[in-house]
Amino acid sequence: MKTITLSIFLLLLCTQAWSDEDHNEARSLRLQGEILPLTQILKEAEKAGLDTILEAELEKEGGQWCYEIEGLSEGNQVIELLINAKTGEIIRTEYEKKSHKGHD
């Protein structure tokens, strides 16, 4: 049986590569209104069909801050959303091809 460990940083933290300065920058961006709180972004992800969040990242893409949210739909489809961190608008939705592998 496979054990899947899912982690999400609920304080706008995204990758282990972030330093303390990066965490402080993310907090500062949120307090200045440059990015929305992750809790609000996760509500948008739920509206888009994700019912289980697998990963959340805050990153700068194309000169703007974005949240990359990966999760599962009710039908167990892996979906990745790119969401504008300032507006909450979904920029891109990607669906991962379903694997036909057997279960361990």
PDB file of N, CA and C in Angstrom:
ATOM      1  N   MET A   1       0.841  -1.170   0.000  1.00  0.00           N
ATOM      2  CA  MET A   1       0.000   0.000   0.000  1.00  0.00           C
ATOM      3  C   MET A   1       0.884   1.230   0.000  1.00  0.00           C
ATOM      4  N   LYS A   2       0.575   2.175  -0.864  1.00  0.00           N
ATOM      5  CA  LYS A   2       1.338   3.408  -0.929  1.00  0.00           C
ATOM      6  C   LYS A   2       0.882   4.353   0.161  1.00  0.00           C
ATOM      7  N   THR A   3       1.832   5.036   0.727  1.00  0.00           N
ATOM      8  CA  THR A   3       1.516   6.093   1.664  1.00  0.00           C
ATOM      9  C   THR A   3       1.905   7.399   1.009  1.00  0.00           C
ATOM     10  N   ILE A   4       0.982   8.310   0.903  1.00  0.00           N
ATOM     11  CA  ILE A   4       1.238   9.594   0.275  1.00  0.00           C
ATOM     12  C   ILE A   4       1.247  10.649   1.356  1.00  0.00           C
ATOM     13  N   THR A   5       2.344  11.366   1.427  1.00  0.00           N
ATOM     14  CA  THR A   5       2.449  12.448   2.389  1.00  0.00           C
ATOM     15  C   THR A   5       2.180  13.750   1.658  1.00  0.00           C
ATOM     16  N   LEU A   6       1.194  14.466   2.093  1.00  0.00           N
ATOM     17  CA  LEU A   6       0.833  15.741   1.493  1.00  0.00           C
ATOM     18  C   LEU A   6       1.185  16.847   2.470  1.00  0.00           C
ATOM     19  N   SER A   7       1.792  17.884   1.945  1.00  0.00           N
ATOM     20  CA  SER A   7       2.093  18.997   2.830  1.00  0.00           C
ATOM     21  C   SER A   7       1.732  20.299   2.150  1.00  0.00           C
ATOM     22  N   ILE A   8       1.322  21.230   2.946  1.00  0.00           N
ATOM     23  CA  ILE A   8       0.994  22.557   2.441  1.00  0.00           C
ATOM     24  C   ILE A   8       1.369  23.558   3.516  1.00  0.00           C
ATOM     25  N   PHE A   9       1.988  24.573   3.129  1.00  0.00           N
ATOM     26  CA  PHE A   9       2.341  25.614   4.073  1.00  0.00           C
ATOM     27  C   PHE A   9       1.210  26.627   4.065  1.00  0.00           C
ATOM     28  N   LEU A  10       0.552  26.789   5.175  1.00  0.00           N
ATOM     29  CA  LEU A  10      -0.628  27.642   5.247  1.00  0.00           C
ATOM     30  C   LEU A  10      -0.297  29.102   5.505  1.00  0.00           C
ATOM     31  N   LEU A  11       0.973  29.403   5.561  1.00  0.00           N
ATOM     32  CA  LEU A  11       1.378  30.783   5.810  1.00  0.00           C
ATOM     33  C   LEU A  11       2.049  31.391   4.593  1.00  0.00           C
ATOM     34  N   LEU A  12       1.558  31.061   3.401  1.00  0.00           N
ATOM     35  CA  LEU A  12       2.077  31.558   2.138  1.00  0.00           C
ATOM     36  C   LEU A  12       3.451  31.012   1.799  1.00  0.00           C
ATOM     37  N   LEU A  13       3.894  29.986   2.495  1.00  0.00           N
ATOM     38  CA  LEU A  13       5.205  29.426   2.256  1.00  0.00           C
ATOM     39  C   LEU A  13       5.079  28.328   1.230  1.00  0.00           C
ATOM     40  N   CYS A  14       6.071  28.261   0.359  1.00  0.00           N
ATOM     41  CA  CYS A  14       5.863  27.413  -0.791  1.00  0.00           C
ATOM     42  C   CYS A  14       6.857  26.284  -0.943  1.00  0.00           C
ATOM     43  N   THR A  15       8.114  26.584  -0.958  1.00  0.00           N
ATOM     44  CA  THR A  15       9.086  25.529  -1.186  1.00  0.00           C
ATOM     45  C   THR A  15      10.112  25.528  -0.079  1.00  0.00           C
ATOM     46  N   GLN A  16      10.769  24.418   0.099  1.00  0.00           N
ATOM     47  CA  GLN A  16      11.786  24.319   1.132  1.00  0.00           C
ATOM     48  C   GLN A  16      12.978  25.203   0.815  1.00  0.00           C
ATOM     49  N   ALA A  17      13.112  25.614  -0.424  1.00  0.00           N
ATOM     50  CA  ALA A  17      14.240  26.450  -0.823  1.00  0.00           C
ATOM     51  C   ALA A  17      14.111  27.891  -0.335  1.00  0.00           C
ATOM     52  N   TRP A  18      12.944  28.267   0.148  1.00  0.00           N
ATOM     53  CA  TRP A  18      12.752  29.635   0.609  1.00  0.00           C
ATOM     54  C   TRP A  18      13.574  29.876   1.867  1.00  0.00           C
ATOM     55  N   SER A  19      14.232  31.026   1.926  1.00  0.00           N
ATOM     56  CA  SER A  19      14.970  31.418   3.116  1.00  0.00           C
ATOM     57  C   SER A  19      14.048  32.232   4.013  1.00  0.00           C
ATOM     58  N   ASP A  20      14.545  32.613   5.200  1.00  0.00           N
ATOM     59  CA  ASP A  20      13.758  33.456   6.095  1.00  0.00           C
ATOM     60  C   ASP A  20      13.407  34.778   5.420  1.00  0.00           C
ATOM     61  N   GLU A  21      14.325  35.313   4.602  1.00  0.00           N
ATOM     62  CA  GLU A  21      14.048  36.557   3.884  1.00  0.00           C
ATOM     63  C   GLU A  21      12.873  36.380   2.937  1.00  0.00           C
ATOM     64  N   ASP A  22      12.810  35.250   2.261  1.00  0.00           N
ATOM     65  CA  ASP A  22      11.711  34.974   1.343  1.00  0.00           C
ATOM     66  C   ASP A  22      10.378  34.905   2.089  1.00  0.00           C
ATOM     67  N   HIS A  23      10.391  34.272   3.267  1.00  0.00           N
ATOM     68  CA  HIS A  23       9.168  34.197   4.065  1.00  0.00           C
ATOM     69  C   HIS A  23       8.726  35.586   4.481  1.00  0.00           C
ATOM     70  N   ASN A  24       9.691  36.385   4.875  1.00  0.00           N
ATOM     71  CA  ASN A  24       9.376  37.761   5.270  1.00  0.00           C
ATOM     72  C   ASN A  24       8.833  38.555   4.089  1.00  0.00           C
ATOM     73  N   GLU A  25       9.388  38.324   2.901  1.00  0.00           N
ATOM     74  CA  GLU A  25       8.901  39.018   1.708  1.00  0.00           C
ATOM     75  C   GLU A  25       7.456  38.615   1.405  1.00  0.00           C
ATOM     76  N   ALA A  26       7.149  37.328   1.515  1.00  0.00           N
ATOM     77  CA  ALA A  26       5.788  36.861   1.261  1.00  0.00           C
ATOM     78  C   ALA A  26       4.818  37.504   2.245  1.00  0.00           C
ATOM     79  N   ARG A  27       5.202  37.544   3.505  1.00  0.00           N
ATOM     80  CA  ARG A  27       4.340  38.174   4.519  1.00  0.00           C
ATOM     81  C   ARG A  27       4.165  39.661   4.228  1.00  0.00           C
ATOM     82  N   SER A  28       5.249  40.315   3.879  1.00  0.00           N
ATOM     83  CA  SER A  28       5.197  41.745   3.556  1.00  0.00           C
ATOM     84  C   SER A  28       4.287  42.000   2.351  1.00  0.00           C
ATOM     85  N   LEU A  29       4.403  41.174   1.325  1.00  0.00           N
ATOM     86  CA  LEU A  29       3.545  41.315   0.144  1.00  0.00           C
ATOM     87  C   LEU A  29       2.070  41.188   0.520  1.00  0.00           C
ATOM     88  N   ARG A  30       1.764  40.239   1.405  1.00  0.00           N
ATOM     89  CA  ARG A  30       0.388  40.044   1.841  1.00  0.00           C
ATOM     90  C   ARG A  30      -0.113  41.230   2.650  1.00  0.00           C
ATOM     91  N   LEU A  31       0.708  41.713   3.564  1.00  0.00           N
ATOM     92  CA  LEU A  31       0.302  42.843   4.407  1.00  0.00           C
ATOM     93  C   LEU A  31       0.143  44.136   3.601  1.00  0.00           C
ATOM     94  N   GLN A  32       0.899  44.260   2.512  1.00  0.00           N
ATOM     95  CA  GLN A  32       0.803  45.434   1.640  1.00  0.00           C
ATOM     96  C   GLN A  32      -0.335  45.325   0.627  1.00  0.00           C
ATOM     97  N   GLY A  33      -1.001  44.183   0.606  1.00  0.00           N
ATOM     98  CA  GLY A  33      -2.097  43.989  -0.333  1.00  0.00           C
ATOM     99  C   GLY A  33      -1.647  43.597  -1.726  1.00  0.00           C
ATOM    100  N   GLU A  34      -0.385  43.210  -1.867  1.00  0.00           N
ATOM    101  CA  GLU A  34       0.132  42.809  -3.174  1.00  0.00           C
ATOM    102  C   GLU A  34      -0.286  41.394  -3.540  1.00  0.00           C
ATOM    103  N   ILE A  35      -0.535  40.572  -2.531  1.00  0.00           N
ATOM    104  CA  ILE A  35      -1.023  39.215  -2.769  1.00  0.00           C
ATOM    105  C   ILE A  35      -2.154  38.927  -1.788  1.00  0.00           C
ATOM    106  N   LEU A  36      -3.059  38.055  -2.204  1.00  0.00           N
ATOM    107  CA  LEU A  36      -4.165  37.636  -1.342  1.00  0.00           C
ATOM    108  C   LEU A  36      -3.698  36.549  -0.386  1.00  0.00           C
ATOM    109  N   PRO A  37      -4.383  36.397   0.742  1.00  0.00           N
ATOM    110  CA  PRO A  37      -4.039  35.299   1.653  1.00  0.00           C
ATOM    111  C   PRO A  37      -4.275  33.948   0.980  1.00  0.00           C
ATOM    112  N   LEU A  38      -3.455  32.991   1.326  1.00  0.00           N
ATOM    113  CA  LEU A  38      -3.582  31.647   0.759  1.00  0.00           C
ATOM    114  C   LEU A  38      -4.960  31.063   1.030  1.00  0.00           C
ATOM    115  N   THR A  39      -5.538  31.354   2.178  1.00  0.00           N
ATOM    116  CA  THR A  39      -6.873  30.827   2.491  1.00  0.00           C
ATOM    117  C   THR A  39      -7.895  31.271   1.456  1.00  0.00           C
ATOM    118  N   GLN A  40      -7.781  32.500   0.992  1.00  0.00           N
ATOM    119  CA  GLN A  40      -8.708  33.006  -0.025  1.00  0.00           C
ATOM    120  C   GLN A  40      -8.450  32.322  -1.375  1.00  0.00           C
ATOM    121  N   ILE A  41      -7.198  32.105  -1.701  1.00  0.00           N
ATOM    122  CA  ILE A  41      -6.836  31.430  -2.950  1.00  0.00           C
ATOM    123  C   ILE A  41      -7.343  29.987  -2.945  1.00  0.00           C
ATOM    124  N   LEU A  42      -7.250  29.341  -1.788  1.00  0.00           N
ATOM    125  CA  LEU A  42      -7.733  27.958  -1.704  1.00  0.00           C
ATOM    126  C   LEU A  42      -9.235  27.877  -1.914  1.00  0.00           C
ATOM    127  N   LYS A  43      -9.978  28.902  -1.514  1.00  0.00           N
ATOM    128  CA  LYS A  43     -11.420  28.935  -1.781  1.00  0.00           C
ATOM    129  C   LYS A  43     -11.672  28.993  -3.287  1.00  0.00           C
ATOM    130  N   GLU A  44     -10.852  29.762  -4.000  1.00  0.00           N
ATOM    131  CA  GLU A  44     -10.986  29.839  -5.462  1.00  0.00           C
ATOM    132  C   GLU A  44     -10.662  28.480  -6.090  1.00  0.00           C
ATOM    133  N   ALA A  45      -9.661  27.797  -5.545  1.00  0.00           N
ATOM    134  CA  ALA A  45      -9.302  26.468  -6.048  1.00  0.00           C
ATOM    135  C   ALA A  45     -10.455  25.487  -5.839  1.00  0.00           C
ATOM    136  N   GLU A  46     -11.121  25.582  -4.710  1.00  0.00           N
ATOM    137  CA  GLU A  46     -12.282  24.719  -4.449  1.00  0.00           C
ATOM    138  C   GLU A  46     -13.394  25.002  -5.447  1.00  0.00           C
ATOM    139  N   LYS A  47     -13.643  26.281  -5.720  1.00  0.00           N
ATOM    140  CA  LYS A  47     -14.676  26.649  -6.698  1.00  0.00           C
ATOM    141  C   LYS A  47     -14.351  26.086  -8.079  1.00  0.00           C
ATOM    142  N   ALA A  48     -13.049  25.953  -8.366  1.00  0.00           N
ATOM    143  CA  ALA A  48     -12.611  25.441  -9.670  1.00  0.00           C
ATOM    144  C   ALA A  48     -12.637  23.916  -9.727  1.00  0.00           C
ATOM    145  N   GLY A  49     -13.006  23.261  -8.620  1.00  0.00           N
ATOM    146  CA  GLY A  49     -13.182  21.818  -8.654  1.00  0.00           C
ATOM    147  C   GLY A  49     -12.194  20.998  -7.841  1.00  0.00           C
ATOM    148  N   LEU A  50     -11.256  21.646  -7.166  1.00  0.00           N
ATOM    149  CA  LEU A  50     -10.316  20.885  -6.340  1.00  0.00           C
ATOM    150  C   LEU A  50     -10.939  20.620  -4.980  1.00  0.00           C
ATOM    151  N   ASP A  51     -10.946  19.352  -4.571  1.00  0.00           N
ATOM    152  CA  ASP A  51     -11.472  19.068  -3.229  1.00  0.00           C
ATOM    153  C   ASP A  51     -10.379  18.566  -2.290  1.00  0.00           C
ATOM    154  N   THR A  52      -9.203  18.258  -2.833  1.00  0.00           N
ATOM    155  CA  THR A  52      -8.051  17.878  -2.015  1.00  0.00           C
ATOM    156  C   THR A  52      -6.835  18.623  -2.549  1.00  0.00           C
ATOM    157  N   ILE A  53      -6.210  19.444  -1.716  1.00  0.00           N
ATOM    158  CA  ILE A  53      -5.030  20.202  -2.116  1.00  0.00           C
ATOM    159  C   ILE A  53      -3.794  19.349  -1.850  1.00  0.00           C
ATOM    160  N   LEU A  54      -2.939  19.229  -2.863  1.00  0.00           N
ATOM    161  CA  LEU A  54      -1.711  18.457  -2.739  1.00  0.00           C
ATOM    162  C   LEU A  54      -0.500  19.363  -2.501  1.00  0.00           C
ATOM    163  N   GLU A  55      -0.500  20.519  -3.142  1.00  0.00           N
ATOM    164  CA  GLU A  55       0.661  21.395  -3.060  1.00  0.00           C
ATOM    165  C   GLU A  55       0.247  22.827  -3.391  1.00  0.00           C
ATOM    166  N   ALA A  56       0.888  23.779  -2.724  1.00  0.00           N
ATOM    167  CA  ALA A  56       0.659  25.192  -3.008  1.00  0.00           C
ATOM    168  C   ALA A  56       1.999  25.900  -3.034  1.00  0.00           C
ATOM    169  N   GLU A  57       2.220  26.709  -4.067  1.00  0.00           N
ATOM    170  CA  GLU A  57       3.458  27.461  -4.191  1.00  0.00           C
ATOM    171  C   GLU A  57       3.149  28.895  -4.564  1.00  0.00           C
ATOM    172  N   LEU A  58       3.929  29.805  -4.024  1.00  0.00           N
ATOM    173  CA  LEU A  58       3.868  31.210  -4.412  1.00  0.00           C
ATOM    174  C   LEU A  58       5.111  31.478  -5.231  1.00  0.00           C
ATOM    175  N   GLU A  59       4.916  31.971  -6.452  1.00  0.00           N
ATOM    176  CA  GLU A  59       6.055  32.205  -7.335  1.00  0.00           C
ATOM    177  C   GLU A  59       5.787  33.403  -8.224  1.00  0.00           C
ATOM    178  N   LYS A  60       6.861  33.982  -8.724  1.00  0.00           N
ATOM    179  CA  LYS A  60       6.729  35.102  -9.649  1.00  0.00           C
ATOM    180  C   LYS A  60       6.828  34.545 -11.058  1.00  0.00           C
ATOM    181  N   GLU A  61       5.804  34.807 -11.856  1.00  0.00           N
ATOM    182  CA  GLU A  61       5.760  34.302 -13.230  1.00  0.00           C
ATOM    183  C   GLU A  61       5.317  35.427 -14.146  1.00  0.00           C
ATOM    184  N   GLY A  62       6.122  35.694 -15.165  1.00  0.00           N
ATOM    185  CA  GLY A  62       5.787  36.758 -16.100  1.00  0.00           C
ATOM    186  C   GLY A  62       5.676  38.121 -15.434  1.00  0.00           C
ATOM    187  N   GLY A  63       6.474  38.351 -14.394  1.00  0.00           N
ATOM    188  CA  GLY A  63       6.467  39.640 -13.712  1.00  0.00           C
ATOM    189  C   GLY A  63       5.361  39.818 -12.686  1.00  0.00           C
ATOM    190  N   GLN A  64       4.542  38.794 -12.478  1.00  0.00           N
ATOM    191  CA  GLN A  64       3.471  38.913 -11.480  1.00  0.00           C
ATOM    192  C   GLN A  64       3.520  37.740 -10.513  1.00  0.00           C
ATOM    193  N   TRP A  65       3.062  37.990  -9.297  1.00  0.00           N
ATOM    194  CA  TRP A  65       3.013  36.940  -8.287  1.00  0.00           C
ATOM    195  C   TRP A  65       1.825  36.032  -8.571  1.00  0.00           C
ATOM    196  N   CYS A  66       2.079  34.727  -8.517  1.00  0.00           N
ATOM    197  CA  CYS A  66       1.045  33.729  -8.778  1.00  0.00           C
ATOM    198  C   CYS A  66       1.125  32.621  -7.737  1.00  0.00           C
ATOM    199  N   TYR A  67      -0.017  32.047  -7.474  1.00  0.00           N
ATOM    200  CA  TYR A  67      -0.068  30.826  -6.681  1.00  0.00           C
ATOM    201  C   TYR A  67      -0.238  29.674  -7.657  1.00  0.00           C
ATOM    202  N   GLU A  68       0.577  28.643  -7.483  1.00  0.00           N
ATOM    203  CA  GLU A  68       0.416  27.416  -8.255  1.00  0.00           C
ATOM    204  C   GLU A  68      -0.161  26.391  -7.280  1.00  0.00           C
ATOM    205  N   ILE A  69      -1.381  25.975  -7.538  1.00  0.00           N
ATOM    206  CA  ILE A  69      -2.086  25.057  -6.652  1.00  0.00           C
ATOM    207  C   ILE A  69      -2.304  23.742  -7.394  1.00  0.00           C
ATOM    208  N   GLU A  70      -1.865  22.656  -6.791  1.00  0.00           N
ATOM    209  CA  GLU A  70      -2.083  21.335  -7.369  1.00  0.00           C
ATOM    210  C   GLU A  70      -2.994  20.558  -6.434  1.00  0.00           C
ATOM    211  N   GLY A  71      -3.972  19.880  -7.010  1.00  0.00           N
ATOM    212  CA  GLY A  71      -4.888  19.123  -6.177  1.00  0.00           C
ATOM    213  C   GLY A  71      -5.648  18.085  -6.959  1.00  0.00           C
ATOM    214  N   LEU A  72      -6.579  17.459  -6.260  1.00  0.00           N
ATOM    215  CA  LEU A  72      -7.416  16.419  -6.848  1.00  0.00           C
ATOM    216  C   LEU A  72      -8.856  16.888  -6.922  1.00  0.00           C
ATOM    217  N   SER A  73      -9.508  16.526  -8.010  1.00  0.00           N
ATOM    218  CA  SER A  73     -10.936  16.783  -8.135  1.00  0.00           C
ATOM    219  C   SER A  73     -11.685  15.655  -7.433  1.00  0.00           C
ATOM    220  N   GLU A  74     -12.990  15.809  -7.322  1.00  0.00           N
ATOM    221  CA  GLU A  74     -13.818  14.762  -6.722  1.00  0.00           C
ATOM    222  C   GLU A  74     -13.670  13.441  -7.466  1.00  0.00           C
ATOM    223  N   GLY A  75     -13.428  13.514  -8.772  1.00  0.00           N
ATOM    224  CA  GLY A  75     -13.253  12.316  -9.597  1.00  0.00           C
ATOM    225  C   GLY A  75     -11.822  11.802  -9.611  1.00  0.00           C
ATOM    226  N   ASN A  76     -10.987  12.297  -8.698  1.00  0.00           N
ATOM    227  CA  ASN A  76      -9.601  11.864  -8.537  1.00  0.00           C
ATOM    228  C   ASN A  76      -8.704  12.298  -9.694  1.00  0.00           C
ATOM    229  N   GLN A  77      -9.078  13.362 -10.389  1.00  0.00           N
ATOM    230  CA  GLN A  77      -8.273  13.932 -11.474  1.00  0.00           C
ATOM    231  C   GLN A  77      -7.293  14.930 -10.865  1.00  0.00           C
ATOM    232  N   VAL A  78      -6.003  14.825 -11.224  1.00  0.00           N
ATOM    233  CA  VAL A  78      -5.008  15.793 -10.764  1.00  0.00           C
ATOM    234  C   VAL A  78      -5.142  17.047 -11.615  1.00  0.00           C
ATOM    235  N   ILE A  79      -5.305  18.172 -10.940  1.00  0.00           N
ATOM    236  CA  ILE A  79      -5.465  19.461 -11.614  1.00  0.00           C
ATOM    237  C   ILE A  79      -4.454  20.433 -11.030  1.00  0.00           C
ATOM    238  N   GLU A  80      -3.821  21.210 -11.898  1.00  0.00           N
ATOM    239  CA  GLU A  80      -2.910  22.259 -11.461  1.00  0.00           C
ATOM    240  C   GLU A  80      -3.478  23.600 -11.911  1.00  0.00           C
ATOM    241  N   LEU A  81      -3.616  24.510 -10.969  1.00  0.00           N
ATOM    242  CA  LEU A  81      -4.137  25.842 -11.264  1.00  0.00           C
ATOM    243  C   LEU A  81      -3.036  26.865 -11.080  1.00  0.00           C
ATOM    244  N   LEU A  82      -2.969  27.835 -11.966  1.00  0.00           N
ATOM    245  CA  LEU A  82      -2.113  28.996 -11.792  1.00  0.00           C
ATOM    246  C   LEU A  82      -3.065  30.158 -11.539  1.00  0.00           C
ATOM    247  N   ILE A  83      -2.935  30.766 -10.358  1.00  0.00           N
ATOM    248  CA  ILE A  83      -3.871  31.797  -9.926  1.00  0.00           C
ATOM    249  C   ILE A  83      -3.124  33.094  -9.666  1.00  0.00           C
ATOM    250  N   ASN A  84      -3.617  34.199 -10.219  1.00  0.00           N
ATOM    251  CA  ASN A  84      -3.041  35.507  -9.963  1.00  0.00           C
ATOM    252  C   ASN A  84      -3.125  35.786  -8.466  1.00  0.00           C
ATOM    253  N   ALA A  85      -1.980  36.003  -7.831  1.00  0.00           N
ATOM    254  CA  ALA A  85      -1.930  36.157  -6.379  1.00  0.00           C
ATOM    255  C   ALA A  85      -2.561  37.455  -5.895  1.00  0.00           C
ATOM    256  N   LYS A  86      -2.655  38.453  -6.752  1.00  0.00           N
ATOM    257  CA  LYS A  86      -3.236  39.740  -6.351  1.00  0.00           C
ATOM    258  C   LYS A  86      -4.748  39.769  -6.520  1.00  0.00           C
ATOM    259  N   THR A  87      -5.249  39.129  -7.587  1.00  0.00           N
ATOM    260  CA  THR A  87      -6.672  39.224  -7.906  1.00  0.00           C
ATOM    261  C   THR A  87      -7.465  37.956  -7.599  1.00  0.00           C
ATOM    262  N   GLY A  88      -6.781  36.821  -7.520  1.00  0.00           N
ATOM    263  CA  GLY A  88      -7.468  35.547  -7.326  1.00  0.00           C
ATOM    264  C   GLY A  88      -7.996  34.953  -8.619  1.00  0.00           C
ATOM    265  N   GLU A  89      -7.710  35.604  -9.739  1.00  0.00           N
ATOM    266  CA  GLU A  89      -8.174  35.122 -11.045  1.00  0.00           C
ATOM    267  C   GLU A  89      -7.367  33.895 -11.474  1.00  0.00           C
ATOM    268  N   ILE A  90      -8.069  32.883 -11.967  1.00  0.00           N
ATOM    269  CA  ILE A  90      -7.403  31.692 -12.476  1.00  0.00           C
ATOM    270  C   ILE A  90      -6.845  32.010 -13.858  1.00  0.00           C
ATOM    271  N   ILE A  91      -5.540  31.886 -13.981  1.00  0.00           N
ATOM    272  CA  ILE A  91      -4.844  32.202 -15.228  1.00  0.00           C
ATOM    273  C   ILE A  91      -4.783  30.980 -16.134  1.00  0.00           C
ATOM    274  N   ARG A  92      -4.537  29.816 -15.529  1.00  0.00           N
ATOM    275  CA  ARG A  92      -4.361  28.600 -16.318  1.00  0.00           C
ATOM    276  C   ARG A  92      -4.820  27.390 -15.509  1.00  0.00           C
ATOM    277  N   THR A  93      -5.403  26.437 -16.190  1.00  0.00           N
ATOM    278  CA  THR A  93      -5.805  25.169 -15.595  1.00  0.00           C
ATOM    279  C   THR A  93      -5.202  24.047 -16.425  1.00  0.00           C
ATOM    280  N   GLU A  94      -4.486  23.146 -15.766  1.00  0.00           N
ATOM    281  CA  GLU A  94      -3.893  22.006 -16.462  1.00  0.00           C
ATOM    282  C   GLU A  94      -4.399  20.729 -15.814  1.00  0.00           C
ATOM    283  N   TYR A  95      -4.765  19.768 -16.645  1.00  0.00           N
ATOM    284  CA  TYR A  95      -5.240  18.474 -16.184  1.00  0.00           C
ATOM    285  C   TYR A  95      -4.171  17.429 -16.485  1.00  0.00           C
ATOM    286  N   GLU A  96      -3.769  16.681 -15.467  1.00  0.00           N
ATOM    287  CA  GLU A  96      -2.782  15.625 -15.667  1.00  0.00           C
ATOM    288  C   GLU A  96      -3.477  14.407 -16.249  1.00  0.00           C
ATOM    289  N   LYS A  97      -2.815  13.781 -17.193  1.00  0.00           N
ATOM    290  CA  LYS A  97      -3.383  12.560 -17.768  1.00  0.00           C
ATOM    291  C   LYS A  97      -3.497  11.508 -16.688  1.00  0.00           C
ATOM    292  N   LYS A  98      -4.590  10.795 -16.707  1.00  0.00           N
ATOM    293  CA  LYS A  98      -4.799   9.720 -15.736  1.00  0.00           C
ATOM    294  C   LYS A  98      -3.902   8.544 -16.064  1.00  0.00           C
ATOM    295  N   SER A  99      -3.318   7.984 -15.035  1.00  0.00           N
ATOM    296  CA  SER A  99      -2.463   6.814 -15.193  1.00  0.00           C
ATOM    297  C   SER A  99      -3.323   5.561 -15.132  1.00  0.00           C
ATOM    298  N   HIS A 100      -2.950   4.574 -15.901  1.00  0.00           N
ATOM    299  CA  HIS A 100      -3.685   3.305 -15.895  1.00  0.00           C
ATOM    300  C   HIS A 100      -2.919   2.233 -15.132  1.00  0.00           C
ATOM    301  N   LYS A 101      -2.037   2.660 -14.240  1.00  0.00           N
ATOM    302  CA  LYS A 101      -1.257   1.714 -13.439  1.00  0.00           C
ATOM    303  C   LYS A 101      -2.144   1.082 -12.372  1.00  0.00           C
ATOM    304  N   GLY A 102      -1.765  -0.101 -11.961  1.00  0.00           N
ATOM    305  CA  GLY A 102      -2.488  -0.772 -10.871  1.00  0.00           C
ATOM    306  C   GLY A 102      -2.149  -0.135  -9.538  1.00  0.00           C
ATOM    307  N   HIS A 103      -2.917  -0.416  -8.526  1.00  0.00           N
ATOM    308  CA  HIS A 103      -2.679   0.116  -7.199  1.00  0.00           C
ATOM    309  C   HIS A 103      -1.703  -0.778  -6.466  1.00  0.00           C
ATOM    310  N   ASP A 104      -0.820  -0.177  -5.650  1.00  0.00           N
ATOM    311  CA  ASP A 104       0.136  -0.938  -4.848  1.00  0.00           C
ATOM    312  C   ASP A 104      -0.476  -1.368  -3.562  1.00  0.00           C
TER     313      ASP A 104
END
